[in-house]
């Protein structure tokens, strides 16, 4: 009974550890996390094809539930780049227009179904299965997703018209065809914002580079003339807390979205467990994969009723959370509360946020998504892992994203089974030692 209660209410294990010192540390880490996720939430929602506020809603609801019901002390859940691009790809494949009510409803339904899958995995005690999936799958997928994300933002950076829903190669063909029509003012705003973000990152790394870059990019756009020179703005987002929402529970919709939601669930679990274990290696905490499955699943199910789309663990925000001195999951809860307060105060200012500046920031997000160090290490150390990396990468570029995930996971499992079925066996036999005249192995 105690084990069941701990599984259903894991926060009872760390709540007694809270004291004045830990609260202060978690409070500061939460404030840092809120400032970081503000521009990221808007950017990730844009990638997902949703209105900007949905990324912020996801960053408010998902972290609280995942923190209370997961196992990691430092993992911060919420909107992520990889999940966002999968949401955009899967919902768009059904013919819905981004940011339309139908698109939003479908995204929330996929989120609910993904959460149900994740809860089912947790209750079936399948947390150990993630151990058999190579992290190379995630690296290859995120690298491919980064290229797709950058490609999707070229039109916002150059100010050209590119039709939605085209293949990777078709989109680039359109971009090259439209190059003579690019808007130099839009390009200047995107380049300026990107440049400021990079300068702050390298010379003042303690400052929130993306947030400052967006503010300065907005000022620069207004100085250039704003709408009069063709620069378009995001528009004001509602200064409200996450409103209630209802996924579509019709049988036809569930049948249509169930396979796509499975891919979202699988990717989310691999991301969350991989990141939580990477942080735990530094903090010396033991991660329970089943508990993490439960927390992620419950956060997505609950989030789908509060205008939040599918989330997972964020490596950037989790790393910052740990580095900022977080002691307990209260830091994730504080981050969500601070974000809500910030939104209520600064929401009207988003009316002056240029789409081009967002495009520049998303290009930086895409670049940061590619793990060059790990890719180089894989390329030179393991031919088998190299094949997993390249297969997943190119499948991401040229196949539907859910199939790319399945393809990479399947190949990873095949290689794992091949390795375990042919272990290296060292033959040992008795050998007479000429000095002692005794037989040894």
Protein backbone atom coordinates (compact mmCIF):
# COMPACT_ATOMS: atom_id res chain seq x y z
CA UNK A 1 0.00 0.00 0.00
CA UNK A 2 2.83 2.41 0.85
CA UNK A 3 4.45 1.74 -2.52
CA UNK A 4 1.16 2.49 -4.32
CA UNK A 5 0.68 5.72 -2.37
CA UNK A 6 4.24 6.81 -3.15
CA UNK A 7 3.64 6.08 -6.84
CA UNK A 8 0.39 8.08 -6.91
CA UNK A 9 1.65 10.90 -4.65
CA UNK A 10 5.46 11.03 -5.05
CA UNK A 11 5.64 14.60 -3.78
CA UNK A 12 5.15 13.23 -0.26
CA UNK A 13 8.76 12.00 -0.47
CA UNK A 14 10.34 15.43 -0.99
CA UNK A 15 7.89 17.79 0.72
CA UNK A 16 9.42 17.06 4.17
CA UNK A 17 12.82 18.14 2.80
CA UNK A 18 11.63 21.72 2.23
CA UNK A 19 13.10 24.30 4.58
CA UNK A 20 13.85 28.01 4.57
CA UNK A 21 17.14 27.58 2.69
CA UNK A 22 15.66 25.30 0.02
CA UNK A 23 12.68 27.62 -0.48
CA UNK A 24 15.00 30.56 -1.07
CA UNK A 25 17.10 28.56 -3.55
CA UNK A 26 14.01 27.26 -5.37
CA UNK A 27 12.52 30.76 -5.47
CA UNK A 28 15.57 32.22 -7.21
CA UNK A 29 15.85 29.26 -9.60
CA UNK A 30 12.15 29.61 -10.41
CA UNK A 31 12.50 33.31 -11.22
CA UNK A 32 15.43 32.55 -13.52
CA UNK A 33 13.43 29.82 -15.25
CA UNK A 34 10.43 32.09 -15.78
CA UNK A 35 12.54 34.74 -17.52
CA UNK A 36 14.12 32.11 -19.78
CA UNK A 37 10.87 30.39 -20.76
CA UNK A 38 9.03 33.62 -21.65
CA UNK A 39 10.57 34.03 -25.13
CA UNK A 40 10.91 30.25 -25.56
CA UNK A 41 7.21 29.67 -24.94
CA UNK A 42 6.23 32.15 -27.64
CA UNK A 43 8.81 30.70 -30.04
CA UNK A 44 7.79 27.07 -29.45
CA UNK A 45 4.09 27.85 -29.93
CA UNK A 46 4.98 29.51 -33.24
CA UNK A 47 6.87 26.36 -34.27
CA UNK A 48 3.84 24.24 -33.30
CA UNK A 49 1.52 26.38 -35.45
CA UNK A 50 -0.39 27.63 -32.40
CA UNK A 51 -1.09 31.18 -31.16
CA UNK A 52 1.82 32.46 -29.01
CA UNK A 53 -0.09 32.29 -25.74
CA UNK A 54 -0.44 28.51 -25.98
CA UNK A 55 3.29 28.05 -25.48
CA UNK A 56 3.06 30.17 -22.34
CA UNK A 57 0.01 28.27 -21.08
CA UNK A 58 1.96 25.02 -21.56
CA UNK A 59 4.88 26.49 -19.60
CA UNK A 60 2.51 27.31 -16.72
CA UNK A 61 0.47 24.11 -16.38
CA UNK A 62 2.72 21.24 -17.49
CA UNK A 63 5.70 21.98 -15.18
CA UNK A 64 3.54 22.03 -12.04
CA UNK A 65 1.90 18.65 -12.65
CA UNK A 66 5.10 16.99 -13.89
CA UNK A 67 7.05 18.33 -10.89
CA UNK A 68 4.50 17.04 -8.38
CA UNK A 69 4.04 13.59 -9.91
CA UNK A 70 7.41 12.86 -11.57
CA UNK A 71 10.57 11.54 -9.94
CA UNK A 72 13.25 14.10 -10.85
CA UNK A 73 14.07 16.90 -8.43
CA UNK A 74 15.35 19.18 -11.18
CA UNK A 75 13.54 18.32 -14.44
CA UNK A 76 11.55 21.22 -15.87
CA UNK A 77 8.78 20.17 -18.24
CA UNK A 78 6.88 22.31 -20.72
CA UNK A 79 6.96 23.14 -24.42
CA UNK A 80 9.97 21.79 -26.30
CA UNK A 81 11.27 22.26 -29.81
CA UNK A 82 11.06 18.62 -30.88
CA UNK A 83 7.52 18.08 -29.59
CA UNK A 84 6.41 21.39 -31.12
CA UNK A 85 7.59 20.48 -34.62
CA UNK A 86 5.89 17.05 -34.32
CA UNK A 87 2.62 18.71 -33.26
CA UNK A 88 2.82 21.06 -36.25
CA UNK A 89 3.63 18.24 -38.65
CA UNK A 90 0.93 15.84 -37.45
CA UNK A 91 -1.88 18.39 -37.19
CA UNK A 92 -1.00 20.01 -40.54
CA UNK A 93 -1.00 16.57 -42.18
CA UNK A 94 -4.73 16.38 -41.40
CA UNK A 95 -5.38 19.50 -43.47
CA UNK A 96 -5.94 22.05 -40.70
CA UNK A 97 -4.73 25.65 -41.01
CA UNK A 98 -2.26 26.73 -38.28
CA UNK A 99 -3.76 28.85 -35.48
CA UNK A 100 -7.32 28.00 -36.61
CA UNK A 101 -9.82 26.70 -34.00
CA UNK A 102 -9.73 23.27 -35.68
CA UNK A 103 -5.92 23.20 -35.53
CA UNK A 104 -5.93 24.13 -31.83
CA UNK A 105 -8.60 21.57 -30.96
CA UNK A 106 -6.70 18.83 -32.81
CA UNK A 107 -3.43 19.73 -31.06
CA UNK A 108 -5.13 19.53 -27.65
CA UNK A 109 -6.71 16.18 -28.54
CA UNK A 110 -3.32 14.77 -29.56
CA UNK A 111 -1.96 16.05 -26.24
CA UNK A 112 -4.69 14.25 -24.29
CA UNK A 113 -4.18 10.99 -26.19
CA UNK A 114 -0.39 11.21 -25.78
CA UNK A 115 -0.88 11.64 -22.04
CA UNK A 116 -3.17 8.60 -21.90
CA UNK A 117 -0.53 6.52 -23.71
CA UNK A 118 2.13 7.70 -21.26
CA UNK A 119 -0.04 6.89 -18.25
CA UNK A 120 -0.70 3.43 -19.69
CA UNK A 121 3.06 2.88 -20.07
CA UNK A 122 3.56 3.94 -16.44
CA UNK A 123 0.83 1.67 -15.07
CA UNK A 124 2.22 -1.22 -17.13
CA UNK A 125 5.65 -0.57 -15.54
CA UNK A 126 7.32 -0.07 -18.92
CA UNK A 127 9.74 2.63 -17.73
CA UNK A 128 12.74 0.35 -18.23
CA UNK A 129 12.04 0.13 -21.97
CA UNK A 130 13.60 3.56 -22.49
CA UNK A 131 16.94 1.99 -21.54
CA UNK A 132 16.84 -0.06 -24.74
CA UNK A 133 16.35 2.96 -27.02
CA UNK A 134 19.62 4.60 -27.95
CA UNK A 135 19.88 8.31 -27.14
CA UNK A 136 21.27 8.58 -30.67
CA UNK A 137 17.67 8.42 -31.90
CA UNK A 138 16.87 11.64 -30.03
CA UNK A 139 20.07 13.31 -31.27
CA UNK A 140 19.37 12.38 -34.90
CA UNK A 141 15.71 13.36 -34.67
CA UNK A 142 16.39 16.72 -33.02
CA UNK A 143 19.09 17.54 -35.58
CA UNK A 144 16.65 16.82 -38.39
CA UNK A 145 13.92 18.75 -36.59
CA UNK A 146 16.31 21.71 -36.24
CA UNK A 147 16.78 21.82 -40.02
CA UNK A 148 12.99 21.66 -40.53
CA UNK A 149 12.41 24.41 -37.95
CA UNK A 150 15.01 26.69 -39.56
CA UNK A 151 13.46 25.99 -42.97
CA UNK A 152 9.99 26.90 -41.67
CA UNK A 153 11.29 30.29 -40.46
CA UNK A 154 13.09 31.36 -43.63
CA UNK A 155 9.92 33.03 -44.90
CA UNK A 156 9.67 35.11 -41.70
CA UNK A 157 13.35 36.05 -41.84
CA UNK A 158 13.32 37.07 -45.51
CA UNK A 159 9.75 38.33 -45.75
CA UNK A 160 8.81 36.06 -48.66
CA UNK A 161 5.67 34.01 -49.31
CA UNK A 162 6.11 30.24 -49.06
CA UNK A 163 3.16 27.85 -49.29
CA UNK A 164 2.48 25.69 -46.23
CA UNK A 165 2.51 21.91 -46.20
CA UNK A 166 5.14 21.38 -48.89
CA UNK A 167 7.93 18.83 -48.64
CA UNK A 168 11.39 19.79 -47.42
CA UNK A 169 12.85 19.99 -50.95
CA UNK A 170 9.78 21.74 -52.38
CA UNK A 171 9.94 24.39 -49.65
CA UNK A 172 13.59 25.17 -50.41
CA UNK A 173 12.83 25.34 -54.13
CA UNK A 174 10.14 27.94 -53.37
CA UNK A 175 12.50 29.91 -51.13
CA UNK A 176 15.16 30.18 -53.85
CA UNK A 177 12.48 31.18 -56.35
CA UNK A 178 11.25 33.97 -54.02
CA UNK A 179 14.69 35.36 -53.09
CA UNK A 180 14.46 38.39 -55.43
CA UNK A 181 11.29 39.48 -53.57
CA UNK A 182 12.76 39.47 -50.06
CA UNK A 183 12.19 42.46 -47.78
CA UNK A 184 15.52 43.94 -46.61
CA UNK A 185 13.88 45.62 -43.60
CA UNK A 186 12.50 42.30 -42.35
CA UNK A 187 15.89 40.65 -42.94
CA UNK A 188 17.58 43.48 -41.02
CA UNK A 189 15.29 43.02 -38.00
CA UNK A 190 15.83 39.24 -37.97
CA UNK A 191 19.59 39.60 -38.37
CA UNK A 192 19.81 42.32 -35.72
CA UNK A 193 17.83 40.25 -33.20
CA UNK A 194 19.89 37.13 -33.89
CA UNK A 195 23.15 39.09 -33.64
CA UNK A 196 22.20 40.67 -30.30
CA UNK A 197 21.21 37.27 -28.88
CA UNK A 198 24.56 35.78 -29.92
CA UNK A 199 26.59 38.70 -28.54
CA UNK A 200 24.87 38.52 -25.16
CA UNK A 201 25.25 34.74 -25.06
CA UNK A 202 29.02 34.93 -25.60
CA UNK A 203 29.92 38.08 -23.66
CA UNK A 204 27.21 38.30 -20.97
CA UNK A 205 26.09 34.67 -20.54
CA UNK A 206 24.34 35.31 -17.23
CA UNK A 207 21.78 37.60 -18.86
CA UNK A 208 18.59 36.29 -20.60
CA UNK A 209 19.90 36.76 -24.14
CA UNK A 210 16.72 35.84 -26.02
CA UNK A 211 14.48 38.13 -23.98
CA UNK A 212 16.83 41.11 -24.30
CA UNK A 213 17.30 40.45 -28.03
CA UNK A 214 13.53 40.41 -28.59
CA UNK A 215 13.11 43.71 -26.73
CA UNK A 216 15.91 45.41 -28.70
CA UNK A 217 14.68 43.82 -31.94
CA UNK A 218 11.23 45.31 -31.32
CA UNK A 219 12.71 48.77 -30.76
CA UNK A 220 14.83 48.41 -33.93
CA UNK A 221 11.75 47.42 -35.96
CA UNK A 222 9.85 50.48 -34.77
CA UNK A 223 12.81 52.73 -35.61
CA UNK A 224 12.86 51.31 -39.16
CA UNK A 225 9.21 52.19 -39.64
CA UNK A 226 7.32 49.10 -38.51
CA UNK A 227 4.25 48.30 -40.62
CA UNK A 228 5.05 51.12 -43.07
CA UNK A 229 8.05 49.17 -44.42
CA UNK A 230 6.32 45.79 -44.36
CA UNK A 231 7.37 44.61 -40.90
CA UNK A 232 4.53 42.61 -39.32
CA UNK A 233 3.99 42.09 -35.60
CA UNK A 234 2.85 39.13 -33.50
CA UNK A 235 -0.04 41.04 -31.97
CA UNK A 236 -1.17 41.37 -28.37
CA UNK A 237 -1.67 38.11 -26.49
CA UNK A 238 -4.40 37.78 -23.84
CA UNK A 239 -3.32 38.79 -20.33
CA UNK A 240 -5.07 35.81 -18.76
CA UNK A 241 -4.30 32.59 -16.97
CA UNK A 242 -4.70 29.36 -19.00
CA UNK A 243 -8.42 29.07 -19.89
CA UNK A 244 -10.34 25.80 -19.74
CA UNK A 245 -10.43 23.77 -22.95
CA UNK A 246 -11.93 20.48 -24.08
CA UNK A 247 -10.25 17.95 -26.41
CA UNK A 248 -12.40 16.37 -29.11
CA UNK A 249 -13.52 12.96 -27.82
CA UNK A 250 -15.44 11.88 -30.92
CA UNK A 251 -14.63 8.32 -31.98
CA UNK A 252 -13.64 9.34 -35.52
CA UNK A 253 -11.19 11.95 -34.23
CA UNK A 254 -9.61 9.52 -31.76
CA UNK A 255 -9.18 6.89 -34.49
CA UNK A 256 -7.57 9.47 -36.77
CA UNK A 257 -5.18 10.88 -34.18
CA UNK A 258 -4.28 7.80 -32.10
CA UNK A 259 -1.25 6.73 -34.22
CA UNK A 260 0.12 10.29 -34.31
CA UNK A 261 -0.39 10.73 -30.57
CA UNK A 262 1.59 7.53 -29.94
CA UNK A 263 4.62 9.08 -31.67
CA UNK A 264 4.27 12.25 -29.56
CA UNK A 265 4.01 10.14 -26.39
CA UNK A 266 7.06 8.07 -27.28
CA UNK A 267 9.24 11.07 -28.14
CA UNK A 268 8.13 12.91 -25.00
CA UNK A 269 9.03 9.99 -22.75
CA UNK A 270 12.43 9.44 -24.36
CA UNK A 271 13.21 13.16 -24.00
CA UNK A 272 12.04 13.44 -20.40
CA UNK A 273 13.78 10.32 -19.08
CA UNK A 274 17.00 11.03 -20.98
CA UNK A 275 17.19 14.59 -19.65
CA UNK A 276 16.24 13.69 -16.08
CA UNK A 277 18.93 11.00 -16.02
CA UNK A 278 21.52 13.39 -17.45
CA UNK A 279 20.78 15.89 -14.67
CA UNK A 280 20.64 13.09 -12.07
CA UNK A 281 24.16 12.03 -13.03
CA UNK A 282 25.31 15.40 -11.67
CA UNK A 283 23.00 15.58 -8.66
CA UNK A 284 23.46 11.89 -7.73
CA UNK A 285 19.72 11.29 -7.65
CA UNK A 286 18.10 7.98 -8.60
CA UNK A 287 15.46 8.37 -11.34
CA UNK A 288 12.41 6.09 -11.45
CA UNK A 289 11.47 5.69 -15.12
CA UNK A 290 7.93 4.53 -14.35
CA UNK A 291 7.33 7.49 -12.05
CA UNK A 292 8.61 9.88 -14.72
CA UNK A 293 6.24 8.26 -17.24
CA UNK A 294 3.39 8.86 -14.79
CA UNK A 295 4.29 12.51 -14.23
CA UNK A 296 4.67 13.26 -17.93
CA UNK A 297 1.43 11.48 -18.81
CA UNK A 298 -0.60 13.19 -16.11
CA UNK A 299 0.82 16.60 -17.05
CA UNK A 300 -0.29 16.17 -20.66
CA UNK A 301 -3.75 14.87 -19.73
CA UNK A 302 -4.34 17.73 -17.29
CA UNK A 303 -2.74 20.27 -19.63
CA UNK A 304 -5.09 19.39 -22.48
CA UNK A 305 -7.98 20.73 -20.36
CA UNK A 306 -6.13 24.00 -19.68
CA UNK A 307 -5.21 25.10 -23.23
CA UNK A 308 -1.77 23.46 -23.04
CA UNK A 309 -0.32 21.37 -25.84
CA UNK A 310 2.02 18.39 -25.45
CA UNK A 311 5.11 19.01 -23.36
CA UNK A 312 8.15 17.11 -22.16
CA UNK A 313 11.38 17.70 -20.31
CA UNK A 314 13.46 20.66 -21.46
CA UNK A 315 17.23 20.19 -21.36
CA UNK A 316 17.95 23.94 -21.44
CA UNK A 317 15.54 24.90 -18.67
CA UNK A 318 16.35 21.82 -16.57
CA UNK A 319 20.07 22.53 -16.85
CA UNK A 320 19.57 26.17 -15.89
CA UNK A 321 17.33 25.10 -13.01
CA UNK A 322 20.02 22.80 -11.62
CA UNK A 323 22.80 25.36 -12.19
CA UNK A 324 20.73 28.06 -10.47
CA UNK A 325 20.77 25.99 -7.28
CA UNK A 326 17.30 24.42 -7.25
CA UNK A 327 16.84 21.98 -4.37
CA UNK A 328 13.35 20.53 -4.90
CA UNK A 329 10.60 20.47 -7.58
CA UNK A 330 9.20 23.60 -5.93
CA UNK A 331 11.49 25.50 -8.31
CA UNK A 332 9.35 24.34 -11.26
CA UNK A 333 6.19 25.43 -9.45
CA UNK A 334 7.69 28.83 -8.63
CA UNK A 335 8.77 29.24 -12.28
CA UNK A 336 5.19 28.66 -13.44
CA UNK A 337 3.81 31.13 -10.90
CA UNK A 338 6.36 33.82 -11.81
CA UNK A 339 5.60 33.28 -15.52
CA UNK A 340 1.88 33.79 -14.87
CA UNK A 341 2.60 37.05 -13.03
CA UNK A 342 4.90 38.26 -15.82
CA UNK A 343 2.28 37.47 -18.48
CA UNK A 344 -0.38 39.45 -16.63
CA UNK A 345 1.97 42.45 -16.62
CA UNK A 346 3.67 42.39 -20.04
CA UNK A 347 1.10 40.74 -22.33
CA UNK A 348 0.09 44.06 -23.98
CA UNK A 349 3.71 44.66 -25.03
CA UNK A 350 3.65 41.65 -27.38
CA UNK A 351 1.72 43.84 -29.81
CA UNK A 352 5.11 45.38 -30.65
CA UNK A 353 6.95 42.06 -31.10
CA UNK A 354 8.02 41.67 -34.77
CA UNK A 355 7.47 38.31 -36.44
CA UNK A 356 10.92 38.77 -38.01
CA UNK A 357 12.51 39.06 -34.55
CA UNK A 358 10.76 35.86 -33.52
CA UNK A 359 12.09 34.25 -36.69
CA UNK A 360 15.63 35.25 -35.78
CA UNK A 361 15.27 33.82 -32.27
CA UNK A 362 13.78 30.57 -33.58
CA UNK A 363 16.73 30.22 -35.97
CA UNK A 364 19.00 30.42 -32.91
CA UNK A 365 16.84 27.87 -31.09
CA UNK A 366 17.15 25.54 -34.09
CA UNK A 367 20.94 25.90 -34.15
CA UNK A 368 21.19 25.20 -30.41
CA UNK A 369 19.10 22.08 -30.91
CA UNK A 370 21.88 20.38 -32.91
CA UNK A 371 24.28 18.59 -30.56
CA UNK A 372 27.45 18.88 -32.65
CA UNK A 373 29.69 17.43 -29.92
CA UNK A 374 27.68 14.22 -29.58
CA UNK A 375 27.23 13.88 -33.33
CA UNK A 376 31.01 14.11 -33.85
CA UNK A 377 31.61 11.54 -31.11
CA UNK A 378 29.07 9.13 -32.62
CA UNK A 379 30.54 9.54 -36.10
CA UNK A 380 34.04 8.48 -35.02
CA UNK A 381 33.30 5.85 -32.36
CA UNK A 382 30.43 3.60 -33.46
CA UNK A 383 29.40 2.55 -36.95
CA UNK A 384 26.15 1.05 -35.66
CA UNK A 385 25.16 4.22 -33.78
CA UNK A 386 26.22 6.24 -36.80
CA UNK A 387 23.70 4.33 -38.91
CA UNK A 388 20.97 5.04 -36.34
CA UNK A 389 21.90 8.73 -36.32
CA UNK A 390 21.91 9.17 -40.10
CA UNK A 391 18.79 7.06 -40.65
CA UNK A 392 16.80 9.02 -38.09
CA UNK A 393 18.15 12.34 -39.37
CA UNK A 394 17.23 11.77 -43.02
CA UNK A 395 13.93 10.09 -42.11
CA UNK A 396 13.06 13.26 -40.17
CA UNK A 397 13.75 15.41 -43.22
CA UNK A 398 11.96 13.32 -45.82
CA UNK A 399 9.26 11.28 -44.01
CA UNK A 400 6.36 12.21 -41.77
CA UNK A 401 7.87 12.92 -38.37
CA UNK A 402 5.98 10.19 -36.52
CA UNK A 403 7.39 7.61 -38.95
CA UNK A 404 10.88 9.04 -38.42
CA UNK A 405 10.53 8.44 -34.67
CA UNK A 406 9.28 4.87 -35.19
CA UNK A 407 12.03 4.20 -37.73
CA UNK A 408 14.81 5.39 -35.43
CA UNK A 409 13.46 3.55 -32.37
CA UNK A 410 12.98 0.32 -34.34
CA UNK A 411 16.50 0.45 -35.79
CA UNK A 412 17.90 1.19 -32.33
CA UNK A 413 16.12 -1.85 -30.87
CA UNK A 414 17.29 -4.09 -33.72
CA UNK A 415 20.92 -3.07 -33.13
CA UNK A 416 20.51 -3.60 -29.36
CA UNK A 417 19.11 -7.10 -29.91
CA UNK A 418 21.87 -7.91 -32.40
CA UNK A 419 24.52 -6.89 -29.86
CA UNK A 420 23.01 -8.88 -27.00
CA UNK A 421 22.45 -11.98 -29.15
CA UNK A 422 26.12 -12.17 -30.16
CA UNK A 423 28.12 -11.42 -26.99
CA UNK A 424 31.89 -11.48 -26.97
CA UNK A 425 32.94 -14.79 -25.37
CA UNK A 426 36.49 -15.35 -24.17
CA UNK A 427 37.53 -19.00 -24.16
CA UNK A 428 39.37 -20.17 -21.03
CA UNK A 429 41.16 -23.53 -20.60
CA UNK A 430 43.50 -25.05 -17.97
CA UNK A 431 47.17 -24.32 -18.55
CA UNK A 432 50.06 -25.95 -16.68
CA UNK A 433 52.45 -23.42 -15.15
CA UNK A 434 56.00 -24.74 -15.79
CA UNK A 435 57.34 -23.08 -12.63
CA UNK A 436 54.79 -24.47 -10.14
CA UNK A 437 53.57 -27.47 -12.16
CA UNK A 438 49.98 -26.43 -11.26
CA UNK A 439 47.07 -25.95 -13.64
CA UNK A 440 45.58 -22.45 -13.84
CA UNK A 441 43.03 -20.71 -16.05
